[in-house]
């Protein structure tokens, strides 16, 4: 019986990552993040949107680095605790396997399941939903929408 309960629990929960931004906390599936790397100054080009921070090198690739906050009607903030989350691209573009997102601090792994309840808060652009987790409101990002925003701007 305990084996059945363990199987049932694993089927109803998943491992998520809490990614702290300057003005909100995102909840992503653990498998969405390829790697967390230290922040490094990106190669910047003139005339780019404020949410596009530039290009960074990662594993012999050049990745677009962006600020989720700025892309979602907020402001980009780089601090001493900034890191870069390398996200697996979901859009099926052959030349785009990863995008890089500026985060604050180190993401925290959590198990989530039925205890998540939809939060009745206003969503910003690029947020699919919001959930209550204890006292915290976690935002579910639209990663496909973020990738499409890069494509629409001609950046990928």
N, C-alpha and C. Protein backbone atom coordinates (compact mmCIF):
# COMPACT_ATOMS: atom_id res chain seq x y z
N UNK A 1 0.82 -1.19 0.00
CA UNK A 1 0.00 0.00 0.00
C UNK A 1 0.86 1.26 0.00
N UNK A 2 1.94 1.26 0.75
CA UNK A 2 2.78 2.46 0.78
C UNK A 2 3.37 2.75 -0.60
N UNK A 3 3.66 1.72 -1.38
CA UNK A 3 4.18 1.93 -2.72
C UNK A 3 3.12 2.60 -3.61
N UNK A 4 1.87 2.21 -3.46
CA UNK A 4 0.80 2.83 -4.23
C UNK A 4 0.64 4.30 -3.85
N UNK A 5 0.76 4.60 -2.56
CA UNK A 5 0.65 5.99 -2.11
C UNK A 5 1.80 6.80 -2.67
N UNK A 6 3.02 6.24 -2.65
CA UNK A 6 4.18 6.95 -3.19
C UNK A 6 3.98 7.24 -4.67
N UNK A 7 3.48 6.26 -5.41
CA UNK A 7 3.23 6.45 -6.84
C UNK A 7 2.17 7.53 -7.05
N UNK A 8 1.11 7.48 -6.25
CA UNK A 8 0.05 8.47 -6.37
C UNK A 8 0.59 9.86 -6.06
N UNK A 9 1.40 10.00 -5.01
CA UNK A 9 1.95 11.31 -4.67
C UNK A 9 2.84 11.85 -5.77
N UNK A 10 3.67 11.02 -6.38
CA UNK A 10 4.54 11.50 -7.44
C UNK A 10 3.75 11.89 -8.68
N UNK A 11 2.60 11.26 -8.90
CA UNK A 11 1.79 11.59 -10.06
C UNK A 11 1.02 12.90 -9.86
N UNK A 12 0.82 13.31 -8.61
CA UNK A 12 0.04 14.51 -8.35
C UNK A 12 0.91 15.69 -7.92
N UNK A 13 2.21 15.52 -7.94
CA UNK A 13 3.09 16.63 -7.59
C UNK A 13 4.21 16.72 -8.61
N UNK A 14 4.81 17.89 -8.67
CA UNK A 14 5.95 18.04 -9.55
C UNK A 14 6.96 18.94 -8.86
N UNK A 15 8.19 18.86 -9.32
CA UNK A 15 9.23 19.70 -8.77
C UNK A 15 9.25 21.01 -9.54
N UNK A 16 9.14 22.09 -8.81
CA UNK A 16 9.16 23.40 -9.41
C UNK A 16 10.34 24.21 -8.91
N UNK A 17 10.64 25.27 -9.60
CA UNK A 17 11.69 26.20 -9.18
C UNK A 17 11.07 27.56 -8.93
N UNK A 18 11.35 28.11 -7.75
CA UNK A 18 10.96 29.48 -7.44
C UNK A 18 12.09 30.38 -7.90
N UNK A 19 11.82 31.21 -8.85
CA UNK A 19 12.84 32.11 -9.39
C UNK A 19 12.48 33.54 -8.99
N UNK A 20 13.30 34.09 -8.11
CA UNK A 20 13.06 35.43 -7.60
C UNK A 20 13.51 36.47 -8.62
N UNK A 21 12.60 37.38 -8.95
CA UNK A 21 12.94 38.53 -9.77
C UNK A 21 12.91 39.75 -8.85
N UNK A 22 13.13 40.90 -9.38
CA UNK A 22 13.13 42.11 -8.56
C UNK A 22 11.75 42.38 -7.97
N UNK A 23 10.70 42.18 -8.78
CA UNK A 23 9.36 42.58 -8.35
C UNK A 23 8.34 41.44 -8.26
N UNK A 24 8.78 40.20 -8.45
CA UNK A 24 7.86 39.06 -8.39
C UNK A 24 8.65 37.77 -8.30
N UNK A 25 7.95 36.69 -8.00
CA UNK A 25 8.57 35.37 -7.98
C UNK A 25 7.87 34.52 -9.02
N UNK A 26 8.67 33.90 -9.89
CA UNK A 26 8.13 33.03 -10.92
C UNK A 26 8.19 31.58 -10.44
N UNK A 27 7.23 30.78 -10.87
CA UNK A 27 7.23 29.34 -10.64
C UNK A 27 7.34 28.66 -11.99
N UNK A 28 8.43 27.90 -12.16
CA UNK A 28 8.66 27.16 -13.40
C UNK A 28 8.83 25.69 -13.08
N UNK A 29 8.48 24.83 -14.01
CA UNK A 29 8.83 23.41 -13.82
C UNK A 29 10.35 23.28 -13.80
N UNK A 30 10.83 22.39 -12.97
CA UNK A 30 12.27 22.17 -12.84
C UNK A 30 12.92 21.89 -14.19
N UNK A 31 12.24 21.17 -15.06
CA UNK A 31 12.81 20.78 -16.35
C UNK A 31 12.92 21.94 -17.34
N UNK A 32 12.30 23.09 -17.02
CA UNK A 32 12.39 24.25 -17.92
C UNK A 32 13.75 24.91 -17.86
N UNK A 33 14.47 24.72 -16.76
CA UNK A 33 15.74 25.41 -16.55
C UNK A 33 16.89 24.45 -16.85
N UNK A 34 17.74 24.84 -17.82
CA UNK A 34 18.89 24.01 -18.19
C UNK A 34 20.04 24.20 -17.21
N UNK A 35 20.27 25.46 -16.78
CA UNK A 35 21.39 25.74 -15.89
C UNK A 35 21.24 27.13 -15.31
N UNK A 36 21.81 27.31 -14.13
CA UNK A 36 21.91 28.63 -13.50
C UNK A 36 23.38 29.01 -13.53
N UNK A 37 23.68 30.20 -14.05
CA UNK A 37 25.07 30.63 -14.18
C UNK A 37 25.24 32.00 -13.53
N UNK A 38 26.47 32.35 -13.15
CA UNK A 38 26.69 33.69 -12.60
C UNK A 38 26.38 34.75 -13.65
N UNK A 39 25.96 35.92 -13.18
CA UNK A 39 25.70 37.02 -14.09
C UNK A 39 27.01 37.48 -14.69
N UNK A 40 26.99 37.74 -15.96
CA UNK A 40 28.12 38.36 -16.64
C UNK A 40 27.58 39.43 -17.56
N UNK A 41 28.32 40.50 -17.69
CA UNK A 41 27.85 41.61 -18.53
C UNK A 41 27.65 41.12 -19.96
N UNK A 42 26.48 41.36 -20.52
CA UNK A 42 26.21 40.93 -21.90
C UNK A 42 26.84 41.85 -22.92
N UNK A 43 26.97 41.32 -24.13
CA UNK A 43 27.39 42.14 -25.27
C UNK A 43 26.15 42.90 -25.72
N UNK A 44 26.21 44.22 -25.65
CA UNK A 44 25.05 45.07 -25.88
C UNK A 44 25.11 45.68 -27.28
N UNK A 45 23.95 45.81 -27.90
CA UNK A 45 23.83 46.49 -29.20
C UNK A 45 22.93 47.70 -29.02
N UNK A 46 23.21 48.75 -29.76
CA UNK A 46 22.41 49.97 -29.71
C UNK A 46 21.02 49.75 -30.31
N UNK A 47 20.06 50.50 -29.80
CA UNK A 47 18.73 50.52 -30.37
C UNK A 47 17.87 49.31 -30.06
N UNK A 48 18.23 48.53 -29.05
CA UNK A 48 17.45 47.35 -28.70
C UNK A 48 16.38 47.71 -27.66
N UNK A 49 15.32 46.90 -27.58
CA UNK A 49 14.30 47.15 -26.56
C UNK A 49 14.91 47.08 -25.15
N UNK A 50 14.32 47.78 -24.19
CA UNK A 50 14.87 47.82 -22.83
C UNK A 50 14.89 46.45 -22.15
N UNK A 51 14.00 45.56 -22.54
CA UNK A 51 13.95 44.23 -21.93
C UNK A 51 15.03 43.30 -22.47
N UNK A 52 15.62 43.64 -23.62
CA UNK A 52 16.69 42.84 -24.19
C UNK A 52 18.01 43.39 -23.67
N UNK A 53 18.69 42.61 -22.83
CA UNK A 53 19.90 43.08 -22.16
C UNK A 53 21.16 42.86 -22.97
N UNK A 54 21.08 42.02 -24.01
CA UNK A 54 22.23 41.75 -24.87
C UNK A 54 22.42 40.26 -25.07
N UNK A 55 23.60 39.89 -25.53
CA UNK A 55 23.95 38.48 -25.79
C UNK A 55 25.00 38.04 -24.78
N UNK A 56 24.87 36.80 -24.29
CA UNK A 56 25.90 36.24 -23.42
C UNK A 56 26.41 34.94 -24.02
N UNK A 57 27.62 34.59 -23.67
CA UNK A 57 28.20 33.33 -24.11
C UNK A 57 27.87 32.25 -23.09
N UNK A 58 27.48 31.08 -23.60
CA UNK A 58 27.19 29.92 -22.75
C UNK A 58 27.44 28.67 -23.58
N UNK A 59 28.36 27.83 -23.12
CA UNK A 59 28.66 26.55 -23.78
C UNK A 59 28.82 26.69 -25.30
N UNK A 60 29.66 27.56 -25.73
CA UNK A 60 29.93 27.79 -27.15
C UNK A 60 28.72 28.32 -27.93
N UNK A 61 27.74 28.84 -27.23
CA UNK A 61 26.57 29.44 -27.88
C UNK A 61 26.47 30.90 -27.47
N UNK A 62 25.76 31.68 -28.27
CA UNK A 62 25.42 33.07 -27.92
C UNK A 62 23.93 33.06 -27.62
N UNK A 63 23.58 33.45 -26.40
CA UNK A 63 22.18 33.43 -26.00
C UNK A 63 21.65 34.84 -25.79
N UNK A 64 20.40 35.08 -26.17
CA UNK A 64 19.79 36.37 -25.85
C UNK A 64 19.50 36.41 -24.34
N UNK A 65 19.95 37.48 -23.69
CA UNK A 65 19.68 37.68 -22.26
C UNK A 65 18.60 38.73 -22.13
N UNK A 66 17.54 38.41 -21.39
CA UNK A 66 16.47 39.37 -21.25
C UNK A 66 16.01 39.49 -19.81
N UNK A 67 15.33 40.57 -19.56
CA UNK A 67 14.71 40.81 -18.26
C UNK A 67 13.23 40.50 -18.39
N UNK A 68 12.77 39.51 -17.64
CA UNK A 68 11.35 39.17 -17.67
C UNK A 68 10.52 40.36 -17.18
N UNK A 69 11.01 41.03 -16.11
CA UNK A 69 10.27 42.16 -15.57
C UNK A 69 10.06 43.24 -16.62
N UNK A 70 11.13 43.61 -17.31
CA UNK A 70 11.03 44.67 -18.32
C UNK A 70 10.16 44.23 -19.50
N UNK A 71 10.21 42.96 -19.87
CA UNK A 71 9.38 42.44 -20.96
C UNK A 71 7.91 42.40 -20.55
N UNK A 72 7.68 42.40 -19.25
CA UNK A 72 6.33 42.29 -18.70
C UNK A 72 5.90 43.60 -18.03
N UNK A 73 6.29 44.72 -18.61
CA UNK A 73 5.91 46.05 -18.13
C UNK A 73 6.52 46.46 -16.79
N UNK A 74 7.71 45.95 -16.49
CA UNK A 74 8.43 46.36 -15.29
C UNK A 74 9.76 46.99 -15.70
N UNK A 75 10.74 46.90 -14.80
CA UNK A 75 12.06 47.45 -15.09
C UNK A 75 13.13 46.41 -14.89
N UNK A 76 14.16 46.44 -15.71
CA UNK A 76 15.31 45.56 -15.57
C UNK A 76 16.20 46.08 -14.44
N UNK A 77 16.59 45.20 -13.54
CA UNK A 77 17.46 45.59 -12.44
C UNK A 77 18.56 44.55 -12.29
N UNK A 78 19.80 45.00 -12.42
CA UNK A 78 20.95 44.13 -12.19
C UNK A 78 21.53 44.53 -10.85
N UNK A 79 21.69 43.54 -9.96
CA UNK A 79 22.24 43.80 -8.63
C UNK A 79 23.37 42.82 -8.36
N UNK A 80 23.97 42.96 -7.19
CA UNK A 80 25.08 42.06 -6.84
C UNK A 80 24.61 40.61 -6.72
N UNK A 81 23.32 40.38 -6.49
CA UNK A 81 22.80 39.02 -6.38
C UNK A 81 22.23 38.47 -7.67
N UNK A 82 22.42 39.19 -8.78
CA UNK A 82 21.86 38.75 -10.06
C UNK A 82 22.56 37.50 -10.57
N UNK A 83 21.77 36.64 -11.18
CA UNK A 83 22.25 35.43 -11.83
C UNK A 83 21.52 35.32 -13.17
N UNK A 84 21.90 34.33 -13.94
CA UNK A 84 21.25 34.09 -15.23
C UNK A 84 20.72 32.66 -15.24
N UNK A 85 19.44 32.54 -15.52
CA UNK A 85 18.82 31.22 -15.68
C UNK A 85 18.77 30.93 -17.18
N UNK A 86 19.38 29.83 -17.58
CA UNK A 86 19.32 29.40 -18.98
C UNK A 86 18.08 28.52 -19.09
N UNK A 87 17.13 28.97 -19.90
CA UNK A 87 15.84 28.32 -20.05
C UNK A 87 15.80 27.54 -21.36
N UNK A 88 15.26 26.34 -21.31
CA UNK A 88 15.06 25.55 -22.53
C UNK A 88 13.99 26.21 -23.39
N UNK A 89 14.31 26.48 -24.64
CA UNK A 89 13.35 27.10 -25.55
C UNK A 89 12.28 26.07 -25.90
N UNK A 90 11.05 26.53 -26.03
CA UNK A 90 9.92 25.64 -26.27
C UNK A 90 9.27 25.83 -27.64
N UNK A 91 9.69 26.86 -28.37
CA UNK A 91 8.99 27.25 -29.59
C UNK A 91 9.27 26.42 -30.82
N UNK A 92 10.19 25.47 -30.76
CA UNK A 92 10.45 24.63 -31.91
C UNK A 92 11.26 25.28 -33.01
N UNK A 93 11.89 26.41 -32.73
CA UNK A 93 12.74 27.06 -33.74
C UNK A 93 14.07 26.32 -33.77
N UNK A 94 14.48 25.81 -34.93
CA UNK A 94 15.70 25.00 -35.01
C UNK A 94 16.96 25.71 -34.49
N UNK A 95 17.06 27.01 -34.68
CA UNK A 95 18.27 27.74 -34.28
C UNK A 95 18.21 28.22 -32.83
N UNK A 96 17.08 28.02 -32.15
CA UNK A 96 16.93 28.54 -30.79
C UNK A 96 16.63 27.39 -29.84
N UNK A 97 17.62 27.00 -29.09
CA UNK A 97 17.45 25.91 -28.12
C UNK A 97 17.33 26.44 -26.70
N UNK A 98 17.88 27.65 -26.44
CA UNK A 98 17.91 28.21 -25.09
C UNK A 98 17.75 29.73 -25.16
N UNK A 99 17.19 30.29 -24.10
CA UNK A 99 17.21 31.73 -23.89
C UNK A 99 17.68 31.96 -22.45
N UNK A 100 18.21 33.13 -22.18
CA UNK A 100 18.73 33.44 -20.85
C UNK A 100 17.87 34.53 -20.21
N UNK A 101 17.55 34.33 -18.94
CA UNK A 101 16.70 35.26 -18.20
C UNK A 101 17.43 35.72 -16.94
N UNK A 102 17.42 37.01 -16.70
CA UNK A 102 18.03 37.58 -15.50
C UNK A 102 17.17 37.24 -14.29
N UNK A 103 17.78 36.69 -13.24
CA UNK A 103 17.08 36.39 -11.99
C UNK A 103 17.88 36.97 -10.83
N UNK A 104 17.24 37.05 -9.68
CA UNK A 104 17.90 37.57 -8.48
C UNK A 104 18.12 36.41 -7.51
N UNK A 105 19.35 36.14 -7.16
CA UNK A 105 19.62 35.07 -6.21
C UNK A 105 19.58 33.70 -6.86
N UNK A 106 19.50 32.70 -6.01
CA UNK A 106 19.51 31.31 -6.46
C UNK A 106 18.10 30.74 -6.38
N UNK A 107 17.59 30.19 -7.48
CA UNK A 107 16.26 29.59 -7.45
C UNK A 107 16.17 28.49 -6.39
N UNK A 108 14.97 28.34 -5.85
CA UNK A 108 14.73 27.34 -4.81
C UNK A 108 13.81 26.26 -5.37
N UNK A 109 14.18 25.02 -5.13
CA UNK A 109 13.39 23.88 -5.59
C UNK A 109 12.30 23.56 -4.57
N UNK A 110 11.09 23.34 -5.07
CA UNK A 110 9.97 22.97 -4.20
C UNK A 110 9.15 21.88 -4.87
N UNK A 111 8.45 21.11 -4.07
CA UNK A 111 7.46 20.16 -4.57
C UNK A 111 6.11 20.84 -4.51
N UNK A 112 5.39 20.83 -5.60
CA UNK A 112 4.07 21.45 -5.63
C UNK A 112 3.05 20.44 -6.11
N UNK A 113 1.84 20.62 -5.64
CA UNK A 113 0.76 19.72 -6.03
C UNK A 113 -0.57 20.38 -5.79
N UNK A 114 -1.46 19.64 -5.16
CA UNK A 114 -2.83 20.09 -4.96
C UNK A 114 -2.95 21.29 -4.03
N UNK A 115 -1.88 21.59 -3.26
CA UNK A 115 -1.97 22.73 -2.34
C UNK A 115 -1.95 24.07 -3.04
N UNK A 116 -1.60 24.09 -4.31
CA UNK A 116 -1.60 25.35 -5.05
C UNK A 116 -3.04 25.78 -5.34
N UNK A 117 -3.31 27.04 -5.06
CA UNK A 117 -4.63 27.60 -5.29
C UNK A 117 -4.45 28.84 -6.14
N UNK A 118 -5.30 29.00 -7.12
CA UNK A 118 -5.22 30.18 -7.99
C UNK A 118 -5.33 31.45 -7.14
N UNK A 119 -4.43 32.38 -7.39
CA UNK A 119 -4.43 33.66 -6.67
C UNK A 119 -5.25 34.67 -7.47
N UNK A 120 -6.07 35.40 -6.78
CA UNK A 120 -6.91 36.39 -7.45
C UNK A 120 -6.19 37.72 -7.58
N UNK A 121 -5.14 37.75 -8.40
CA UNK A 121 -4.36 38.97 -8.60
C UNK A 121 -4.37 39.32 -10.08
N UNK A 122 -4.08 40.58 -10.36
CA UNK A 122 -3.99 41.04 -11.75
C UNK A 122 -2.70 40.50 -12.36
N UNK A 123 -2.81 39.96 -13.56
CA UNK A 123 -1.64 39.43 -14.25
C UNK A 123 -1.04 40.49 -15.16
N UNK A 124 0.26 40.47 -15.24
CA UNK A 124 0.98 41.35 -16.16
C UNK A 124 1.16 40.63 -17.48
N UNK A 125 1.55 41.36 -18.54
CA UNK A 125 1.86 40.67 -19.80
C UNK A 125 2.91 39.59 -19.56
N UNK A 126 2.81 38.51 -20.28
CA UNK A 126 3.71 37.35 -20.21
C UNK A 126 3.54 36.53 -18.94
N UNK A 127 2.46 36.72 -18.22
CA UNK A 127 2.12 35.87 -17.08
C UNK A 127 0.86 35.09 -17.43
N UNK A 128 0.94 33.77 -17.35
CA UNK A 128 -0.20 32.93 -17.68
C UNK A 128 -1.19 32.82 -16.54
N UNK A 129 -0.66 32.79 -15.30
CA UNK A 129 -1.51 32.61 -14.14
C UNK A 129 -0.72 32.99 -12.90
N UNK A 130 -1.39 32.98 -11.77
CA UNK A 130 -0.75 33.22 -10.48
C UNK A 130 -1.35 32.25 -9.48
N UNK A 131 -0.51 31.73 -8.59
CA UNK A 131 -0.96 30.79 -7.58
C UNK A 131 -0.49 31.26 -6.21
N UNK A 132 -1.25 30.84 -5.21
CA UNK A 132 -0.90 31.12 -3.83
C UNK A 132 -0.10 29.93 -3.31
N UNK A 133 1.05 30.20 -2.71
CA UNK A 133 1.88 29.14 -2.12
C UNK A 133 2.27 29.64 -0.73
N UNK A 134 1.53 29.20 0.28
CA UNK A 134 1.72 29.75 1.61
C UNK A 134 1.32 31.21 1.57
N UNK A 135 2.20 32.09 2.01
CA UNK A 135 1.94 33.53 1.99
C UNK A 135 2.33 34.18 0.66
N UNK A 136 3.05 33.45 -0.17
CA UNK A 136 3.60 34.02 -1.40
C UNK A 136 2.65 33.84 -2.59
N UNK A 137 2.66 34.83 -3.46
CA UNK A 137 1.98 34.73 -4.75
C UNK A 137 3.06 34.44 -5.78
N UNK A 138 2.90 33.35 -6.51
CA UNK A 138 3.87 32.94 -7.53
C UNK A 138 3.24 33.14 -8.90
N UNK A 139 4.00 33.69 -9.81
CA UNK A 139 3.51 33.93 -11.16
C UNK A 139 4.01 32.83 -12.08
N UNK A 140 3.13 32.37 -12.95
CA UNK A 140 3.46 31.35 -13.95
C UNK A 140 3.79 32.09 -15.25
N UNK A 141 5.06 32.05 -15.68
CA UNK A 141 5.44 32.81 -16.87
C UNK A 141 5.01 32.13 -18.17
N UNK A 142 4.77 32.94 -19.17
CA UNK A 142 4.47 32.47 -20.52
C UNK A 142 5.79 32.38 -21.28
N UNK A 143 6.47 31.25 -21.17
CA UNK A 143 7.78 31.09 -21.79
C UNK A 143 7.69 31.09 -23.32
N UNK A 144 6.62 30.53 -23.86
CA UNK A 144 6.42 30.59 -25.32
C UNK A 144 6.20 32.04 -25.77
N UNK A 145 5.45 32.78 -24.99
CA UNK A 145 5.21 34.19 -25.31
C UNK A 145 6.48 35.01 -25.23
N UNK A 146 7.33 34.69 -24.27
CA UNK A 146 8.61 35.38 -24.13
C UNK A 146 9.50 35.10 -25.34
N UNK A 147 9.53 33.86 -25.76
CA UNK A 147 10.30 33.48 -26.94
C UNK A 147 9.72 34.17 -28.19
N UNK A 148 8.40 34.24 -28.28
CA UNK A 148 7.77 34.90 -29.42
C UNK A 148 8.10 36.39 -29.43
N UNK A 149 8.19 37.00 -28.26
CA UNK A 149 8.53 38.42 -28.15
C UNK A 149 9.94 38.64 -28.72
N UNK A 150 10.87 37.74 -28.42
CA UNK A 150 12.21 37.81 -28.99
C UNK A 150 12.16 37.68 -30.51
N UNK A 151 11.36 36.74 -30.99
CA UNK A 151 11.24 36.52 -32.43
C UNK A 151 10.61 37.73 -33.12
N UNK A 152 9.56 38.30 -32.52
CA UNK A 152 8.88 39.45 -33.10
C UNK A 152 9.81 40.66 -33.20
N UNK A 153 10.78 40.76 -32.26
CA UNK A 153 11.72 41.86 -32.28
C UNK A 153 12.92 41.58 -33.18
N UNK A 154 12.92 40.39 -33.82
CA UNK A 154 14.01 40.02 -34.71
C UNK A 154 15.30 39.65 -33.98
N UNK A 155 15.18 39.24 -32.72
CA UNK A 155 16.35 38.95 -31.91
C UNK A 155 16.73 37.48 -31.89
N UNK A 156 15.87 36.64 -32.41
CA UNK A 156 16.21 35.21 -32.55
C UNK A 156 15.74 34.73 -33.92
